Protein backbone atom coordinates (compact mmCIF):
# COMPACT_ATOMS: atom_id res chain seq x y z
CA MET A 1 -44.96 -56.74 -16.86
CA LYS A 2 -42.91 -59.80 -16.11
CA ILE A 3 -40.79 -59.06 -18.96
CA ILE A 4 -39.95 -55.85 -18.79
CA LYS A 5 -39.22 -56.48 -14.53
CA ASN A 6 -36.70 -59.38 -15.97
CA ILE A 7 -35.20 -56.77 -18.45
CA SER A 8 -34.50 -54.52 -15.88
CA LEU A 9 -33.16 -56.33 -13.53
CA ILE A 10 -30.39 -58.06 -16.28
CA LEU A 11 -29.62 -54.04 -16.90
CA MET A 12 -29.01 -53.60 -13.09
CA VAL A 13 -26.10 -56.44 -13.14
CA ILE A 14 -24.89 -54.82 -16.24
CA MET A 15 -24.50 -51.64 -14.65
CA THR A 16 -22.57 -53.32 -11.35
CA ILE A 17 -20.85 -55.31 -13.46
CA SER A 18 -19.39 -52.28 -15.98
CA CYS A 19 -19.00 -49.99 -12.93
CA ASP A 20 -16.76 -52.59 -11.30
CA LYS A 21 -14.59 -53.45 -14.58
CA HIS A 22 -14.46 -49.48 -15.70
CA GLU A 23 -13.07 -47.12 -12.84
CA ILE A 24 -12.91 -43.40 -13.86
CA GLU A 25 -9.78 -42.05 -13.16
CA TYR A 26 -8.70 -38.61 -14.26
CA ALA A 27 -4.72 -37.63 -15.83
CA THR A 28 -3.19 -35.97 -12.85
CA LYS A 29 0.58 -35.52 -11.90
CA SER A 30 1.95 -35.14 -8.91
CA ILE A 31 2.94 -31.62 -7.40
CA ASP A 32 5.11 -32.93 -4.88
CA GLY A 33 8.32 -31.65 -4.85
CA LEU A 34 8.14 -29.11 -7.88
CA ALA A 35 8.46 -25.60 -7.71
CA GLU A 36 5.26 -24.13 -8.56
CA PHE A 37 5.18 -20.12 -9.59
CA GLN A 38 2.74 -17.18 -10.64
CA LEU A 39 4.24 -14.93 -13.11
CA HIS A 40 3.84 -10.90 -12.58
CA TYR A 41 4.13 -7.98 -14.89
CA PHE A 42 4.64 -5.14 -13.45
CA VAL A 43 7.39 -2.94 -15.59
CA PRO A 44 5.82 0.75 -15.65
CA VAL A 45 4.95 0.69 -19.05
CA THR A 46 1.80 1.96 -20.58
CA ALA A 47 -0.91 0.07 -20.41
CA THR A 48 -1.13 -1.02 -24.11
CA SER A 49 -1.47 -3.46 -26.31
CA SER A 50 1.27 -3.26 -27.70
CA ASN A 51 2.67 -3.42 -24.63
CA ASN A 52 1.17 -6.51 -23.49
CA ILE A 53 3.59 -10.11 -23.85
CA TYR A 54 2.65 -12.22 -26.54
CA ARG A 55 5.27 -14.90 -25.14
CA VAL A 56 6.60 -16.08 -22.08
CA GLU A 57 8.88 -18.98 -21.90
CA ILE A 58 10.40 -20.85 -19.12
CA ASN A 59 13.70 -22.94 -19.46
CA GLY A 60 12.95 -22.82 -23.07
CA SER A 61 9.62 -24.12 -23.30
CA LEU A 62 6.65 -21.76 -24.47
CA PHE A 63 4.07 -21.72 -21.25
CA ALA A 64 1.99 -18.63 -22.27
CA ASN A 65 1.21 -17.24 -26.17
CA SER A 66 -1.49 -14.38 -27.93
CA ASP A 67 -3.83 -16.89 -27.21
CA ALA A 68 -4.03 -15.86 -23.21
CA PRO A 69 -0.98 -12.93 -23.32
CA LEU A 70 0.32 -11.68 -20.63
CA THR A 71 -1.06 -8.05 -20.21
CA THR A 72 0.07 -5.10 -18.28
CA TYR A 73 0.21 -4.91 -14.81
CA ASN A 74 -1.12 -8.60 -14.79
CA ALA A 75 -0.15 -12.14 -14.22
CA VAL A 76 -0.39 -15.88 -15.60
CA PRO A 77 -1.57 -18.21 -15.78
CA LYS A 78 -4.88 -17.25 -16.83
CA GLY A 79 -8.39 -18.45 -15.88
CA SER A 80 -9.44 -19.75 -12.42
CA VAL A 81 -7.83 -18.25 -9.58
CA GLY A 82 -5.20 -20.11 -7.87
CA ARG A 83 -3.49 -21.63 -10.65
CA PHE A 84 0.43 -22.20 -10.76
CA TYR A 85 2.77 -23.28 -13.17
CA THR A 86 5.42 -26.07 -12.27
CA VAL A 87 8.85 -26.39 -12.98
CA GLU A 88 11.47 -28.31 -11.41
CA PRO A 89 12.96 -26.12 -8.38
CA GLY A 90 16.65 -24.65 -8.90
CA GLU A 91 17.65 -22.27 -11.63
CA VAL A 92 14.96 -21.15 -13.92
CA ASN A 93 15.33 -18.93 -16.87
CA ILE A 94 12.44 -16.10 -18.00
CA LYS A 95 12.15 -15.16 -21.63
CA LEU A 96 9.54 -12.30 -22.46
CA TYR A 97 8.48 -11.73 -25.95
CA LYS A 98 6.69 -7.69 -26.19
CA GLY A 99 3.82 -6.62 -28.66
CA THR A 100 2.37 -9.04 -31.53
CA SER A 101 5.79 -8.99 -33.26
CA GLU A 102 7.47 -10.90 -29.87
CA GLU A 103 10.37 -8.62 -29.44
CA LEU A 104 12.78 -10.02 -27.08
CA VAL A 105 12.63 -7.65 -24.33
CA TYR A 106 13.30 -9.76 -21.37
CA ASP A 107 16.12 -12.87 -20.63
CA ARG A 108 16.52 -13.36 -16.63
CA THR A 109 17.46 -16.47 -14.69
CA THR A 110 16.17 -16.45 -11.02
CA THR A 111 15.98 -19.66 -8.42
CA LEU A 112 12.74 -21.04 -7.57
CA THR A 113 11.96 -23.59 -4.30
CA VAL A 114 9.81 -26.23 -3.76
CA GLY A 115 6.30 -24.59 -3.32
CA LYS A 116 4.62 -21.97 -4.51
CA GLN A 117 5.72 -18.37 -5.13
CA ASN A 118 5.61 -15.22 -6.65
CA VAL A 119 7.68 -13.91 -9.33
CA PHE A 120 7.55 -10.07 -9.92
CA ILE A 121 9.28 -8.49 -12.87
CA TYR A 122 9.07 -4.84 -12.37
CA GLY A 123 11.84 -3.61 -14.88
CA PHE A 124 13.51 -5.28 -18.33
CA ASP A 125 16.65 -5.05 -17.31
CA GLU A 126 16.69 -6.21 -13.57
CA ASP A 127 16.25 -9.65 -12.10
CA PRO A 128 13.19 -10.61 -10.72
CA ILE A 129 11.90 -10.56 -7.59
CA VAL A 130 10.60 -13.91 -5.96
CA PHE A 131 8.11 -13.69 -3.32
CA ASN A 132 7.12 -16.25 -1.15
CA ASN A 133 2.72 -17.35 -1.62
CA GLY A 134 2.30 -18.11 2.00
CA TYR A 135 0.49 -21.32 0.92
CA PRO A 136 -1.25 -23.31 3.17
CA TYR A 137 -3.75 -20.43 3.43
CA VAL A 138 -5.29 -20.06 7.27
CA ALA A 139 -9.29 -19.33 7.37
CA ASN A 140 -11.28 -18.32 10.24
CA ILE A 141 -13.70 -21.02 11.69
CA THR A 142 -16.85 -19.16 13.22
CA GLU A 143 -20.16 -20.72 13.89
CA ASP A 144 -22.04 -17.94 12.63
CA THR A 145 -20.31 -15.49 10.11
CA ASP A 146 -16.93 -14.55 9.48
CA SER A 147 -15.59 -10.87 8.86
CA THR A 148 -12.17 -11.17 7.35
CA THR A 149 -10.68 -10.74 4.19
CA TYR A 150 -7.20 -10.32 3.73
CA VAL A 151 -4.52 -8.27 1.53
CA LYS A 152 -0.99 -8.56 0.80
CA PHE A 153 0.39 -5.22 -0.12
CA TYR A 154 3.60 -4.69 -2.36
CA ASN A 155 5.65 -1.29 -3.22
CA PHE A 156 6.59 -1.30 -7.02
CA LEU A 157 6.58 2.64 -6.85
CA PHE A 158 8.48 4.41 -9.37
CA GLU A 159 8.94 8.20 -9.31
CA THR A 160 9.75 8.10 -12.50
CA ASP A 161 11.12 5.98 -15.47
CA GLY A 162 14.28 4.10 -14.02
CA VAL A 163 14.24 5.75 -10.90
CA PRO A 164 12.26 3.03 -7.83
CA THR A 165 10.77 5.38 -5.39
CA ASP A 166 12.80 5.60 -1.95
CA LEU A 167 9.81 5.95 -0.16
CA LYS A 168 8.51 3.87 2.47
CA LEU A 169 4.83 3.02 2.50
CA GLN A 170 2.47 2.13 5.29
CA TYR A 171 -0.55 0.57 3.45
CA GLN A 172 -4.09 1.37 5.58
CA TYR A 173 -8.08 0.99 5.48
CA ILE A 174 -10.68 2.17 7.29
CA ASP A 175 -12.34 0.11 10.22
CA PRO A 176 -16.15 -0.15 9.50
CA THR A 177 -16.49 -0.57 12.80
CA THR A 178 -14.61 2.70 14.42
CA ASP A 179 -13.98 4.38 11.01
CA GLU A 180 -10.42 4.98 11.95
CA LEU A 181 -7.32 4.00 9.88
CA VAL A 182 -6.26 0.99 10.60
CA ASN A 183 -2.21 -0.23 9.29
CA ILE A 184 -2.09 -2.75 7.39
CA GLY A 185 1.05 -4.99 8.27
CA GLU A 186 4.07 -3.03 8.37
CA PRO A 187 5.66 -0.32 6.14
CA VAL A 188 7.57 -1.51 3.82
CA ALA A 189 10.48 -0.19 0.99
CA PHE A 190 10.47 -0.34 -2.90
CA GLY A 191 10.00 -4.36 -3.94
CA GLU A 192 9.09 -5.41 -0.23
CA THR A 193 5.44 -7.19 0.37
CA THR A 194 3.40 -6.94 4.09
CA GLY A 195 2.75 -10.91 3.58
CA TRP A 196 -1.10 -11.72 4.26
CA GLN A 197 -2.93 -9.42 6.21
CA PRO A 198 -6.17 -9.82 8.06
CA VAL A 199 -8.76 -6.70 6.62
CA LYS A 200 -12.32 -6.18 8.93
CA LEU A 201 -15.24 -5.99 6.92
CA ILE A 202 -19.21 -5.78 7.96
CA LYS A 203 -20.74 -7.60 4.76
CA ASP A 204 -23.49 -5.34 3.36
CA VAL A 205 -26.03 -8.41 3.31
CA TYR A 206 -26.52 -10.71 6.54
CA ASN A 207 -27.52 -13.45 4.24
CA SER A 208 -25.08 -13.96 1.78
CA SER A 209 -21.48 -14.87 1.44
CA GLY A 210 -20.64 -11.41 2.15
CA SER A 211 -18.66 -8.50 0.37
CA THR A 212 -18.26 -4.55 1.06
CA ARG A 213 -16.48 -1.77 -0.19
CA VAL A 214 -12.98 -1.12 1.60
CA TYR A 215 -11.33 2.31 1.74
CA TYR A 216 -8.00 1.99 1.44
CA ARG A 217 -5.16 5.05 2.33
CA ILE A 218 -1.87 5.14 2.15
CA LYS A 219 0.98 6.98 4.53
CA VAL A 220 4.52 7.89 3.95
CA VAL A 221 7.01 6.63 6.71
CA ASP A 222 10.09 8.13 7.52
CA ASN A 223 13.46 6.06 9.17
CA ASN A 224 12.18 5.83 12.32
CA GLY A 225 9.05 4.40 11.56
CA ASN A 226 6.73 7.83 12.20
CA ILE A 227 4.19 8.45 10.21
CA VAL A 228 5.06 12.01 7.89
CA GLU A 229 2.10 12.81 5.57
CA ASP A 230 -0.06 11.04 2.59
CA LEU A 231 1.28 9.33 -0.18
CA GLN A 232 0.81 11.70 -2.84
CA LEU A 233 0.76 10.92 -6.77
CA TYR A 234 0.27 12.59 -9.75
CA ASN A 235 -2.68 13.10 -11.45
CA SER A 236 -4.60 13.61 -15.05
CA SER A 237 -4.83 17.37 -14.22
CA SER A 238 -1.11 17.45 -13.38
CA LYS A 239 -1.60 18.29 -9.91
CA TYR A 240 -0.19 16.21 -6.75
CA VAL A 241 -2.84 14.28 -4.66
CA SER A 242 -3.40 12.29 -1.42
CA TYR A 243 -3.39 8.47 -2.20
CA SER A 244 -7.00 7.55 -1.50
CA ASP A 245 -8.96 4.38 -3.44
CA TYR A 246 -11.46 1.72 -2.67
CA TRP A 247 -12.48 -2.23 -3.46
CA THR A 248 -15.07 -4.64 -3.01
CA GLY A 249 -13.82 -6.73 -0.32
CA TYR A 250 -15.02 -10.69 -0.04
CA ILE A 251 -15.01 -12.73 3.48
CA GLY A 252 -12.71 -15.35 3.32
CA ARG A 253 -10.93 -14.37 0.04
CA ARG A 254 -7.17 -13.23 -0.02
CA VAL A 255 -5.80 -10.41 -3.05
CA HIS A 256 -2.83 -8.91 -3.59
CA HIS A 257 -2.81 -5.61 -4.04
CA VAL A 258 0.36 -4.14 -5.86
CA MET A 259 1.11 -0.16 -6.14
CA ALA A 260 3.20 0.49 -9.38
CA GLY A 261 3.63 2.94 -12.05
CA PHE A 262 5.20 6.12 -11.76
CA ARG A 263 4.60 8.81 -8.52
CA SER A 264 5.60 11.70 -11.05
CA ALA A 265 4.82 11.01 -14.28
CA GLN A 266 2.96 9.19 -16.98
CA PRO A 267 1.91 6.38 -16.17
CA ARG A 268 0.44 6.99 -13.16
CA ALA A 269 0.73 4.73 -10.41
CA SER A 270 -2.21 2.75 -8.98
CA VAL A 271 -2.91 -0.53 -6.85
CA ARG A 272 -3.30 -3.47 -9.15
CA LEU A 273 -5.56 -6.53 -7.68
CA PHE A 274 -4.33 -9.73 -8.09
CA TYR A 275 -6.90 -12.57 -6.25
CA ALA A 276 -4.92 -15.43 -4.41
CA LEU A 277 -8.43 -17.60 -3.72
């Protein structure tokens, strides 16, 4: 028994010395002073694998390939929410190669600044539009439970091929406490965003992190700021119908809602989601 106690004491001393001499370090790189960006591919094309981007080059360096391609109406980097690429701020060249044959379909230069931003490519012959990501995100602090999710709506709606919509869109949701339509930010023209806006929700299960279904609508707004009608979209039955949709909302999370596609042709327009948090 005495021998066992002595062995245990020796092991404890060795472990203490080992911990003192061998600090655990992680290979990290500071992002201070760098431009951080997510690249969004919203060119109005049919959502097939042949239209996926199998090679992304930034300033001549490979950033994404066929292992994790940039799919239609989606974004890179892939994987966990909140990931960003980093480059030196200033002029940034973007090259996209489509399909397994890696056909060069996009070669444009834009300017990125220090901090987080979202870069939207909406036409192969158009310069990208760069949006401030809105980070750091503000959160509600409550003693009980929050009732807010956050939405950023973008208007990348085309009428037909090569014709961006001239409609100004007002994104809305149905307030779960009143059943009334509530505006999400201000109306936005093509290539604009509402910025981050709070959306109220009442979670389905009280003793949970919190989620529920949220119902959305889109109205058309005239030059005087008046709502004139529902947004009408061409559907699979060759008819125009009022836009309506629903998504599950999560308390505290932030999600990009992007209207893209053709209003009056194929591929049909719809809202796609991309989580920021």
